[in-house]
Protein backbone atom coordinates (compact mmCIF):
# COMPACT_ATOMS: atom_id res chain seq x y z
CA UNK A 1 0.00 0.00 0.00
CA UNK A 2 1.20 3.49 -0.82
CA UNK A 3 0.16 6.90 0.46
CA UNK A 4 -0.53 9.86 -1.81
CA UNK A 5 -1.29 13.56 -1.40
CA UNK A 6 -3.34 15.21 -4.14
CA UNK A 7 -3.31 18.98 -4.62
CA UNK A 8 -6.55 19.73 -6.44
CA UNK A 9 -7.76 23.18 -5.52
CA UNK A 10 -9.18 23.87 -8.99
CA UNK A 11 -11.04 20.55 -9.28
CA UNK A 12 -11.60 19.53 -5.65
CA UNK A 13 -15.40 19.59 -5.77
CA UNK A 14 -15.68 17.76 -9.08
CA UNK A 15 -13.17 15.08 -8.12
CA UNK A 16 -14.38 14.38 -4.58
CA UNK A 17 -18.06 14.40 -5.56
CA UNK A 18 -17.30 12.31 -8.66
CA UNK A 19 -15.12 9.77 -6.85
CA UNK A 20 -11.90 10.15 -8.83
CA UNK A 21 -8.69 12.06 -9.47
CA UNK A 22 -7.71 13.10 -12.99
CA UNK A 23 -4.63 14.69 -14.53
CA UNK A 24 -3.36 15.31 -18.02
CA UNK A 25 -0.64 12.92 -19.16
CA UNK A 26 1.84 15.73 -19.82
CA UNK A 27 2.44 19.39 -19.07
CA UNK A 28 1.06 21.98 -21.50
CA UNK A 29 4.45 21.99 -23.30
CA UNK A 30 4.28 18.21 -23.81
CA UNK A 31 6.90 17.40 -21.16
CA UNK A 32 6.31 14.57 -18.71
CA UNK A 33 5.40 15.49 -15.15
CA UNK A 34 6.29 13.12 -12.30
CA UNK A 35 3.20 14.13 -10.34
CA UNK A 36 0.97 13.22 -13.32
CA UNK A 37 2.87 9.94 -13.85
CA UNK A 38 2.15 9.12 -10.20
CA UNK A 39 -1.46 8.35 -11.14
CA UNK A 40 -0.14 5.32 -13.02
CA UNK A 41 1.78 4.22 -9.92
CA UNK A 42 -1.27 4.23 -7.65
CA UNK A 43 -2.90 0.87 -6.90
CA UNK A 44 -6.15 -0.39 -5.46
CA UNK A 45 -6.17 0.10 -1.69
CA UNK A 46 -3.71 3.01 -1.64
CA UNK A 47 -4.61 5.92 0.65
CA UNK A 48 -5.00 9.45 -0.79
CA UNK A 49 -5.06 12.68 1.25
CA UNK A 50 -7.09 15.41 -0.46
CA UNK A 51 -5.58 18.90 -0.11
CA UNK A 52 -7.38 22.01 -1.35
CA UNK A 53 -7.75 25.56 -0.05
CA UNK A 54 -5.05 25.06 2.58
CA UNK A 55 -6.53 22.00 4.24
CA UNK A 56 -6.88 18.24 4.09
CA UNK A 57 -10.61 17.68 4.25
CA UNK A 58 -11.05 14.23 2.72
CA UNK A 59 -9.23 10.93 2.67
CA UNK A 60 -9.83 8.33 0.01
CA UNK A 61 -8.98 4.82 -1.01
CA UNK A 62 -7.95 4.03 -4.55
CA UNK A 63 -10.50 1.66 -6.09
CA UNK A 64 -8.98 1.17 -9.55
CA UNK A 65 -5.65 1.60 -11.27
CA UNK A 66 -5.20 4.51 -13.68
CA UNK A 67 -6.76 4.31 -17.11
CA UNK A 68 -6.63 6.71 -20.03
CA UNK A 69 -9.52 9.18 -19.95
CA UNK A 70 -10.48 12.48 -21.49
CA UNK A 71 -10.59 15.59 -19.31
CA UNK A 72 -13.89 15.44 -17.38
CA UNK A 73 -16.46 17.84 -18.84
CA UNK A 74 -17.51 18.88 -15.33
CA UNK A 75 -14.15 20.67 -15.00
CA UNK A 76 -15.58 23.40 -17.23
CA UNK A 77 -12.99 26.16 -17.63
CA UNK A 78 -10.74 24.80 -14.85
CA UNK A 79 -7.46 23.82 -16.40
CA UNK A 80 -8.14 25.37 -19.80
CA UNK A 81 -4.47 24.90 -20.71
CA UNK A 82 -4.49 21.20 -19.79
CA UNK A 83 -4.42 18.55 -22.47
CA UNK A 84 -7.68 16.68 -23.04
CA UNK A 85 -5.85 13.31 -22.85
CA UNK A 86 -5.16 12.19 -19.30
CA UNK A 87 -5.28 9.61 -16.54
CA UNK A 88 -8.20 8.88 -14.22
CA UNK A 89 -8.09 6.91 -10.97
CA UNK A 90 -11.32 5.99 -9.14
CA UNK A 91 -11.17 7.01 -5.46
CA UNK A 92 -13.68 6.39 -2.68
CA UNK A 93 -13.56 9.74 -0.86
CA UNK A 94 -14.70 10.23 2.72
CA UNK A 95 -14.80 13.62 4.45
CA UNK A 96 -12.93 14.23 7.67
CA UNK A 97 -15.11 15.36 10.55
CA UNK A 98 -12.62 18.15 11.16
CA UNK A 99 -10.38 19.27 8.28
CA UNK A 100 -6.64 19.43 8.95
CA UNK A 101 -4.57 22.51 8.19
CA UNK A 102 -1.01 21.31 7.53
CA UNK A 103 0.46 24.75 8.27
CA UNK A 104 -0.67 24.36 11.89
CA UNK A 105 1.60 21.31 12.32
CA UNK A 106 4.16 22.21 9.66
CA UNK A 107 7.08 21.82 12.09
CA UNK A 108 6.19 18.11 12.34
CA UNK A 109 5.86 17.69 8.56
CA UNK A 110 8.81 19.78 7.38
CA UNK A 111 11.66 17.35 8.16
CA UNK A 112 9.74 14.51 6.47
CA UNK A 113 8.94 16.29 3.20
CA UNK A 114 10.77 15.11 0.09
CA UNK A 115 13.32 17.52 -1.35
CA UNK A 116 11.83 17.13 -4.83
CA UNK A 117 8.16 16.90 -5.79
CA UNK A 118 6.93 17.85 -2.33
CA UNK A 119 3.16 18.40 -2.11
CA UNK A 120 3.69 21.50 0.01
CA UNK A 121 6.49 24.03 0.10
CA UNK A 122 9.35 22.84 2.29
CA UNK A 123 9.87 26.43 3.48
CA UNK A 124 6.34 27.83 3.93
CA UNK A 125 4.02 24.82 4.21
CA UNK A 126 1.73 26.19 1.50
CA UNK A 127 0.46 23.97 -1.31
CA UNK A 128 2.91 23.37 -4.14
CA UNK A 129 0.95 24.27 -7.28
CA UNK A 130 3.41 22.46 -9.54
CA UNK A 131 2.75 19.09 -7.89
CA UNK A 132 -0.57 17.32 -8.43
CA UNK A 133 -0.16 13.82 -6.92
CA UNK A 134 2.79 13.32 -4.59
CA UNK A 135 3.94 10.11 -2.98
CA UNK A 136 4.21 10.14 0.80
CA UNK A 137 6.44 8.00 2.94
CA UNK A 138 4.76 5.98 5.69
CA UNK A 139 6.15 8.24 8.42
CA UNK A 140 4.81 11.36 6.71
CA UNK A 141 1.44 9.69 6.14
CA UNK A 142 1.23 8.97 9.86
CA UNK A 143 1.62 12.69 10.52
CA UNK A 144 -1.43 13.39 8.29
CA UNK A 145 -3.97 11.64 10.48
CA UNK A 146 -7.64 11.27 9.93
CA UNK A 147 -8.30 7.63 9.28
CA UNK A 148 -7.98 4.58 11.47
CA UNK A 149 -8.28 0.84 11.23
CA UNK A 150 -11.70 1.17 12.84
CA UNK A 151 -12.87 3.01 9.71
CA UNK A 152 -12.72 -0.21 7.70
CA UNK A 153 -15.22 -2.81 6.74
CA UNK A 154 -12.55 -5.09 5.24
CA UNK A 155 -15.06 -7.47 3.65
CA UNK A 156 -16.24 -4.59 1.47
CA UNK A 157 -12.70 -3.87 0.23
CA UNK A 158 -11.76 -0.39 -0.90
CA UNK A 159 -15.40 0.69 -0.91
CA UNK A 160 -15.87 -0.42 2.71
CA UNK A 161 -15.41 2.84 4.59
CA UNK A 162 -17.89 3.27 7.42
CA UNK A 163 -19.61 6.58 6.75
CA UNK A 164 -18.66 9.07 9.45
CA UNK A 165 -16.05 6.81 11.04
CA UNK A 166 -13.11 8.99 10.10
CA UNK A 167 -12.00 10.92 13.13
CA UNK A 168 -9.60 13.79 13.69
CA UNK A 169 -6.69 12.16 15.52
CA UNK A 170 -4.79 13.40 18.54
CA UNK A 171 -1.45 14.85 17.46
CA UNK A 172 0.01 14.06 20.88
CA UNK A 173 -0.12 10.33 20.05
CA UNK A 174 2.10 10.09 17.00
CA UNK A 175 3.30 6.60 17.90
CA UNK A 176 -0.36 5.50 17.99
CA UNK A 177 -0.85 6.98 14.52
CA UNK A 178 2.08 5.02 13.15
CA UNK A 179 0.54 1.91 14.70
CA UNK A 180 -2.77 2.65 12.97
CA UNK A 181 -1.00 2.94 9.63
CA UNK A 182 0.47 -0.51 10.22
CA UNK A 183 -2.96 -1.89 11.14
CA UNK A 184 -4.46 -0.52 7.94
CA UNK A 185 -1.64 -2.15 5.96
CA UNK A 186 -2.37 -5.50 7.63
CA UNK A 187 -6.09 -5.21 6.83
CA UNK A 188 -5.36 -4.38 3.21
CA UNK A 189 -2.87 -7.19 2.76
CA UNK A 190 -5.42 -9.71 4.02
CA UNK A 191 -8.53 -8.55 2.21
CA UNK A 192 -7.59 -6.72 -0.97
CA UNK A 193 -6.19 -8.79 -3.84
CA UNK A 194 -3.25 -7.27 -5.68
C-alpha atoms as a PDB file:
ATOM      1  CA  UNK A   1       0.000   0.000   0.000  1.00  0.00           C
ATOM      2  CA  UNK A   2       1.197   3.491  -0.820  1.00  0.00           C
ATOM      3  CA  UNK A   3       0.164   6.903   0.460  1.00  0.00           C
ATOM      4  CA  UNK A   4      -0.531   9.864  -1.809  1.00  0.00           C
ATOM      5  CA  UNK A   5      -1.288  13.561  -1.400  1.00  0.00           C
ATOM      6  CA  UNK A   6      -3.336  15.208  -4.140  1.00  0.00           C
ATOM      7  CA  UNK A   7      -3.306  18.981  -4.621  1.00  0.00           C
ATOM      8  CA  UNK A   8      -6.552  19.731  -6.436  1.00  0.00           C
ATOM      9  CA  UNK A   9      -7.756  23.181  -5.516  1.00  0.00           C
ATOM     10  CA  UNK A  10      -9.184  23.869  -8.988  1.00  0.00           C
ATOM     11  CA  UNK A  11     -11.038  20.551  -9.277  1.00  0.00           C
ATOM     12  CA  UNK A  12     -11.597  19.528  -5.645  1.00  0.00           C
ATOM     13  CA  UNK A  13     -15.402  19.586  -5.765  1.00  0.00           C
ATOM     14  CA  UNK A  14     -15.677  17.759  -9.076  1.00  0.00           C
ATOM     15  CA  UNK A  15     -13.168  15.078  -8.117  1.00  0.00           C
ATOM     16  CA  UNK A  16     -14.381  14.384  -4.580  1.00  0.00           C
ATOM     17  CA  UNK A  17     -18.062  14.402  -5.564  1.00  0.00           C
ATOM     18  CA  UNK A  18     -17.304  12.305  -8.661  1.00  0.00           C
ATOM     19  CA  UNK A  19     -15.119   9.767  -6.851  1.00  0.00           C
ATOM     20  CA  UNK A  20     -11.899  10.146  -8.826  1.00  0.00           C
ATOM     21  CA  UNK A  21      -8.692  12.062  -9.474  1.00  0.00           C
ATOM     22  CA  UNK A  22      -7.711  13.102 -12.992  1.00  0.00           C
ATOM     23  CA  UNK A  23      -4.633  14.690 -14.529  1.00  0.00           C
ATOM     24  CA  UNK A  24      -3.364  15.307 -18.024  1.00  0.00           C
ATOM     25  CA  UNK A  25      -0.645  12.922 -19.163  1.00  0.00           C
ATOM     26  CA  UNK A  26       1.837  15.730 -19.820  1.00  0.00           C
ATOM     27  CA  UNK A  27       2.441  19.390 -19.069  1.00  0.00           C
ATOM     28  CA  UNK A  28       1.060  21.979 -21.502  1.00  0.00           C
ATOM     29  CA  UNK A  29       4.447  21.992 -23.299  1.00  0.00           C
ATOM     30  CA  UNK A  30       4.278  18.206 -23.808  1.00  0.00           C
ATOM     31  CA  UNK A  31       6.896  17.401 -21.162  1.00  0.00           C
ATOM     32  CA  UNK A  32       6.312  14.571 -18.711  1.00  0.00           C
ATOM     33  CA  UNK A  33       5.401  15.489 -15.146  1.00  0.00           C
ATOM     34  CA  UNK A  34       6.291  13.119 -12.296  1.00  0.00           C
ATOM     35  CA  UNK A  35       3.203  14.133 -10.341  1.00  0.00           C
ATOM     36  CA  UNK A  36       0.970  13.219 -13.316  1.00  0.00           C
ATOM     37  CA  UNK A  37       2.869   9.943 -13.851  1.00  0.00           C
ATOM     38  CA  UNK A  38       2.150   9.125 -10.199  1.00  0.00           C
ATOM     39  CA  UNK A  39      -1.456   8.355 -11.136  1.00  0.00           C
ATOM     40  CA  UNK A  40      -0.142   5.318 -13.025  1.00  0.00           C
ATOM     41  CA  UNK A  41       1.776   4.223  -9.918  1.00  0.00           C
ATOM     42  CA  UNK A  42      -1.266   4.230  -7.652  1.00  0.00           C
ATOM     43  CA  UNK A  43      -2.899   0.874  -6.896  1.00  0.00           C
ATOM     44  CA  UNK A  44      -6.148  -0.388  -5.463  1.00  0.00           C
ATOM     45  CA  UNK A  45      -6.171   0.105  -1.687  1.00  0.00           C
ATOM     46  CA  UNK A  46      -3.710   3.014  -1.640  1.00  0.00           C
ATOM     47  CA  UNK A  47      -4.610   5.925   0.651  1.00  0.00           C
ATOM     48  CA  UNK A  48      -5.000   9.447  -0.793  1.00  0.00           C
ATOM     49  CA  UNK A  49      -5.058  12.675   1.249  1.00  0.00           C
ATOM     50  CA  UNK A  50      -7.094  15.412  -0.461  1.00  0.00           C
ATOM     51  CA  UNK A  51      -5.583  18.899  -0.113  1.00  0.00           C
ATOM     52  CA  UNK A  52      -7.381  22.010  -1.347  1.00  0.00           C
ATOM     53  CA  UNK A  53      -7.751  25.557  -0.050  1.00  0.00           C
ATOM     54  CA  UNK A  54      -5.050  25.064   2.577  1.00  0.00           C
ATOM     55  CA  UNK A  55      -6.532  21.997   4.241  1.00  0.00           C
ATOM     56  CA  UNK A  56      -6.880  18.245   4.093  1.00  0.00           C
ATOM     57  CA  UNK A  57     -10.611  17.680   4.254  1.00  0.00           C
ATOM     58  CA  UNK A  58     -11.053  14.230   2.719  1.00  0.00           C
ATOM     59  CA  UNK A  59      -9.232  10.926   2.671  1.00  0.00           C
ATOM     60  CA  UNK A  60      -9.827   8.327   0.010  1.00  0.00           C
ATOM     61  CA  UNK A  61      -8.983   4.823  -1.011  1.00  0.00           C
ATOM     62  CA  UNK A  62      -7.953   4.034  -4.553  1.00  0.00           C
ATOM     63  CA  UNK A  63     -10.498   1.660  -6.091  1.00  0.00           C
ATOM     64  CA  UNK A  64      -8.979   1.168  -9.553  1.00  0.00           C
ATOM     65  CA  UNK A  65      -5.647   1.604 -11.268  1.00  0.00           C
ATOM     66  CA  UNK A  66      -5.198   4.512 -13.677  1.00  0.00           C
ATOM     67  CA  UNK A  67      -6.761   4.314 -17.110  1.00  0.00           C
ATOM     68  CA  UNK A  68      -6.631   6.714 -20.032  1.00  0.00           C
ATOM     69  CA  UNK A  69      -9.516   9.180 -19.955  1.00  0.00           C
ATOM     70  CA  UNK A  70     -10.482  12.477 -21.486  1.00  0.00           C
ATOM     71  CA  UNK A  71     -10.591  15.587 -19.307  1.00  0.00           C
ATOM     72  CA  UNK A  72     -13.887  15.435 -17.383  1.00  0.00           C
ATOM     73  CA  UNK A  73     -16.462  17.841 -18.843  1.00  0.00           C
ATOM     74  CA  UNK A  74     -17.510  18.881 -15.326  1.00  0.00           C
ATOM     75  CA  UNK A  75     -14.149  20.671 -15.005  1.00  0.00           C
ATOM     76  CA  UNK A  76     -15.575  23.403 -17.230  1.00  0.00           C
ATOM     77  CA  UNK A  77     -12.992  26.163 -17.626  1.00  0.00           C
ATOM     78  CA  UNK A  78     -10.744  24.796 -14.851  1.00  0.00           C
ATOM     79  CA  UNK A  79      -7.460  23.821 -16.400  1.00  0.00           C
ATOM     80  CA  UNK A  80      -8.141  25.367 -19.797  1.00  0.00           C
ATOM     81  CA  UNK A  81      -4.470  24.903 -20.706  1.00  0.00           C
ATOM     82  CA  UNK A  82      -4.488  21.197 -19.793  1.00  0.00           C
ATOM     83  CA  UNK A  83      -4.418  18.546 -22.475  1.00  0.00           C
ATOM     84  CA  UNK A  84      -7.677  16.683 -23.044  1.00  0.00           C
ATOM     85  CA  UNK A  85      -5.852  13.314 -22.851  1.00  0.00           C
ATOM     86  CA  UNK A  86      -5.156  12.185 -19.304  1.00  0.00           C
ATOM     87  CA  UNK A  87      -5.284   9.609 -16.539  1.00  0.00           C
ATOM     88  CA  UNK A  88      -8.200   8.881 -14.217  1.00  0.00           C
ATOM     89  CA  UNK A  89      -8.094   6.906 -10.973  1.00  0.00           C
ATOM     90  CA  UNK A  90     -11.316   5.989  -9.136  1.00  0.00           C
ATOM     91  CA  UNK A  91     -11.167   7.006  -5.462  1.00  0.00           C
ATOM     92  CA  UNK A  92     -13.676   6.393  -2.675  1.00  0.00           C
ATOM     93  CA  UNK A  93     -13.561   9.742  -0.862  1.00  0.00           C
ATOM     94  CA  UNK A  94     -14.700  10.226   2.720  1.00  0.00           C
ATOM     95  CA  UNK A  95     -14.799  13.616   4.451  1.00  0.00           C
ATOM     96  CA  UNK A  96     -12.932  14.232   7.672  1.00  0.00           C
ATOM     97  CA  UNK A  97     -15.111  15.355  10.546  1.00  0.00           C
ATOM     98  CA  UNK A  98     -12.621  18.148  11.155  1.00  0.00           C
ATOM     99  CA  UNK A  99     -10.377  19.274   8.280  1.00  0.00           C
ATOM    100  CA  UNK A 100      -6.641  19.428   8.946  1.00  0.00           C
ATOM    101  CA  UNK A 101      -4.566  22.512   8.187  1.00  0.00           C
ATOM    102  CA  UNK A 102      -1.007  21.311   7.532  1.00  0.00           C
ATOM    103  CA  UNK A 103       0.456  24.747   8.268  1.00  0.00           C
ATOM    104  CA  UNK A 104      -0.669  24.356  11.890  1.00  0.00           C
ATOM    105  CA  UNK A 105       1.601  21.314  12.325  1.00  0.00           C
ATOM    106  CA  UNK A 106       4.163  22.209   9.662  1.00  0.00           C
ATOM    107  CA  UNK A 107       7.081  21.816  12.091  1.00  0.00           C
ATOM    108  CA  UNK A 108       6.188  18.110  12.337  1.00  0.00           C
ATOM    109  CA  UNK A 109       5.858  17.686   8.564  1.00  0.00           C
ATOM    110  CA  UNK A 110       8.811  19.780   7.384  1.00  0.00           C
ATOM    111  CA  UNK A 111      11.661  17.345   8.157  1.00  0.00           C
ATOM    112  CA  UNK A 112       9.735  14.512   6.472  1.00  0.00           C
ATOM    113  CA  UNK A 113       8.939  16.286   3.198  1.00  0.00           C
ATOM    114  CA  UNK A 114      10.767  15.106   0.087  1.00  0.00           C
ATOM    115  CA  UNK A 115      13.319  17.522  -1.348  1.00  0.00           C
ATOM    116  CA  UNK A 116      11.828  17.133  -4.832  1.00  0.00           C
ATOM    117  CA  UNK A 117       8.157  16.898  -5.794  1.00  0.00           C
ATOM    118  CA  UNK A 118       6.934  17.845  -2.334  1.00  0.00           C
ATOM    119  CA  UNK A 119       3.158  18.400  -2.113  1.00  0.00           C
ATOM    120  CA  UNK A 120       3.686  21.503   0.010  1.00  0.00           C
ATOM    121  CA  UNK A 121       6.487  24.031   0.095  1.00  0.00           C
ATOM    122  CA  UNK A 122       9.349  22.844   2.295  1.00  0.00           C
ATOM    123  CA  UNK A 123       9.869  26.426   3.485  1.00  0.00           C
ATOM    124  CA  UNK A 124       6.344  27.834   3.926  1.00  0.00           C
ATOM    125  CA  UNK A 125       4.022  24.817   4.207  1.00  0.00           C
ATOM    126  CA  UNK A 126       1.734  26.187   1.496  1.00  0.00           C
ATOM    127  CA  UNK A 127       0.460  23.974  -1.312  1.00  0.00           C
ATOM    128  CA  UNK A 128       2.909  23.368  -4.145  1.00  0.00           C
ATOM    129  CA  UNK A 129       0.951  24.272  -7.278  1.00  0.00           C
ATOM    130  CA  UNK A 130       3.413  22.464  -9.544  1.00  0.00           C
ATOM    131  CA  UNK A 131       2.745  19.093  -7.895  1.00  0.00           C
ATOM    132  CA  UNK A 132      -0.572  17.316  -8.433  1.00  0.00           C
ATOM    133  CA  UNK A 133      -0.159  13.821  -6.923  1.00  0.00           C
ATOM    134  CA  UNK A 134       2.791  13.321  -4.593  1.00  0.00           C
ATOM    135  CA  UNK A 135       3.939  10.110  -2.982  1.00  0.00           C
ATOM    136  CA  UNK A 136       4.207  10.141   0.803  1.00  0.00           C
ATOM    137  CA  UNK A 137       6.444   7.999   2.936  1.00  0.00           C
ATOM    138  CA  UNK A 138       4.762   5.976   5.688  1.00  0.00           C
ATOM    139  CA  UNK A 139       6.153   8.239   8.417  1.00  0.00           C
ATOM    140  CA  UNK A 140       4.809  11.360   6.707  1.00  0.00           C
ATOM    141  CA  UNK A 141       1.436   9.694   6.135  1.00  0.00           C
ATOM    142  CA  UNK A 142       1.232   8.966   9.856  1.00  0.00           C
ATOM    143  CA  UNK A 143       1.616  12.685  10.520  1.00  0.00           C
ATOM    144  CA  UNK A 144      -1.430  13.385   8.293  1.00  0.00           C
ATOM    145  CA  UNK A 145      -3.970  11.644  10.480  1.00  0.00           C
ATOM    146  CA  UNK A 146      -7.643  11.266   9.929  1.00  0.00           C
ATOM    147  CA  UNK A 147      -8.297   7.634   9.285  1.00  0.00           C
ATOM    148  CA  UNK A 148      -7.982   4.576  11.474  1.00  0.00           C
ATOM    149  CA  UNK A 149      -8.278   0.843  11.226  1.00  0.00           C
ATOM    150  CA  UNK A 150     -11.700   1.173  12.837  1.00  0.00           C
ATOM    151  CA  UNK A 151     -12.875   3.007   9.708  1.00  0.00           C
ATOM    152  CA  UNK A 152     -12.719  -0.212   7.701  1.00  0.00           C
ATOM    153  CA  UNK A 153     -15.221  -2.814   6.736  1.00  0.00           C
ATOM    154  CA  UNK A 154     -12.551  -5.092   5.239  1.00  0.00           C
ATOM    155  CA  UNK A 155     -15.062  -7.471   3.648  1.00  0.00           C
ATOM    156  CA  UNK A 156     -16.236  -4.592   1.467  1.00  0.00           C
ATOM    157  CA  UNK A 157     -12.705  -3.871   0.234  1.00  0.00           C
ATOM    158  CA  UNK A 158     -11.760  -0.387  -0.903  1.00  0.00           C
ATOM    159  CA  UNK A 159     -15.404   0.690  -0.910  1.00  0.00           C
ATOM    160  CA  UNK A 160     -15.866  -0.415   2.708  1.00  0.00           C
ATOM    161  CA  UNK A 161     -15.410   2.844   4.592  1.00  0.00           C
ATOM    162  CA  UNK A 162     -17.893   3.269   7.416  1.00  0.00           C
ATOM    163  CA  UNK A 163     -19.612   6.582   6.748  1.00  0.00           C
ATOM    164  CA  UNK A 164     -18.660   9.074   9.450  1.00  0.00           C
ATOM    165  CA  UNK A 165     -16.049   6.815  11.039  1.00  0.00           C
ATOM    166  CA  UNK A 166     -13.113   8.995  10.097  1.00  0.00           C
ATOM    167  CA  UNK A 167     -11.996  10.920  13.130  1.00  0.00           C
ATOM    168  CA  UNK A 168      -9.603  13.785  13.693  1.00  0.00           C
ATOM    169  CA  UNK A 169      -6.690  12.156  15.516  1.00  0.00           C
ATOM    170  CA  UNK A 170      -4.795  13.396  18.539  1.00  0.00           C
ATOM    171  CA  UNK A 171      -1.448  14.852  17.462  1.00  0.00           C
ATOM    172  CA  UNK A 172       0.009  14.056  20.879  1.00  0.00           C
ATOM    173  CA  UNK A 173      -0.120  10.328  20.048  1.00  0.00           C
ATOM    174  CA  UNK A 174       2.102  10.093  16.996  1.00  0.00           C
ATOM    175  CA  UNK A 175       3.297   6.603  17.895  1.00  0.00           C
ATOM    176  CA  UNK A 176      -0.361   5.502  17.991  1.00  0.00           C
ATOM    177  CA  UNK A 177      -0.851   6.980  14.525  1.00  0.00           C
ATOM    178  CA  UNK A 178       2.084   5.021  13.152  1.00  0.00           C
ATOM    179  CA  UNK A 179       0.542   1.906  14.701  1.00  0.00           C
ATOM    180  CA  UNK A 180      -2.774   2.645  12.973  1.00  0.00           C
ATOM    181  CA  UNK A 181      -1.003   2.942   9.627  1.00  0.00           C
ATOM    182  CA  UNK A 182       0.472  -0.511  10.219  1.00  0.00           C
ATOM    183  CA  UNK A 183      -2.963  -1.890  11.140  1.00  0.00           C
ATOM    184  CA  UNK A 184      -4.462  -0.519   7.938  1.00  0.00           C
ATOM    185  CA  UNK A 185      -1.643  -2.145   5.964  1.00  0.00           C
ATOM    186  CA  UNK A 186      -2.372  -5.499   7.627  1.00  0.00           C
ATOM    187  CA  UNK A 187      -6.091  -5.205   6.828  1.00  0.00           C
ATOM    188  CA  UNK A 188      -5.359  -4.384   3.211  1.00  0.00           C
ATOM    189  CA  UNK A 189      -2.866  -7.193   2.757  1.00  0.00           C
ATOM    190  CA  UNK A 190      -5.423  -9.712   4.023  1.00  0.00           C
ATOM    191  CA  UNK A 191      -8.530  -8.553   2.214  1.00  0.00           C
ATOM    192  CA  UNK A 192      -7.592  -6.718  -0.967  1.00  0.00           C
ATOM    193  CA  UNK A 193      -6.192  -8.790  -3.837  1.00  0.00           C
ATOM    194  CA  UNK A 194      -3.253  -7.267  -5.678  1.00  0.00           C
END
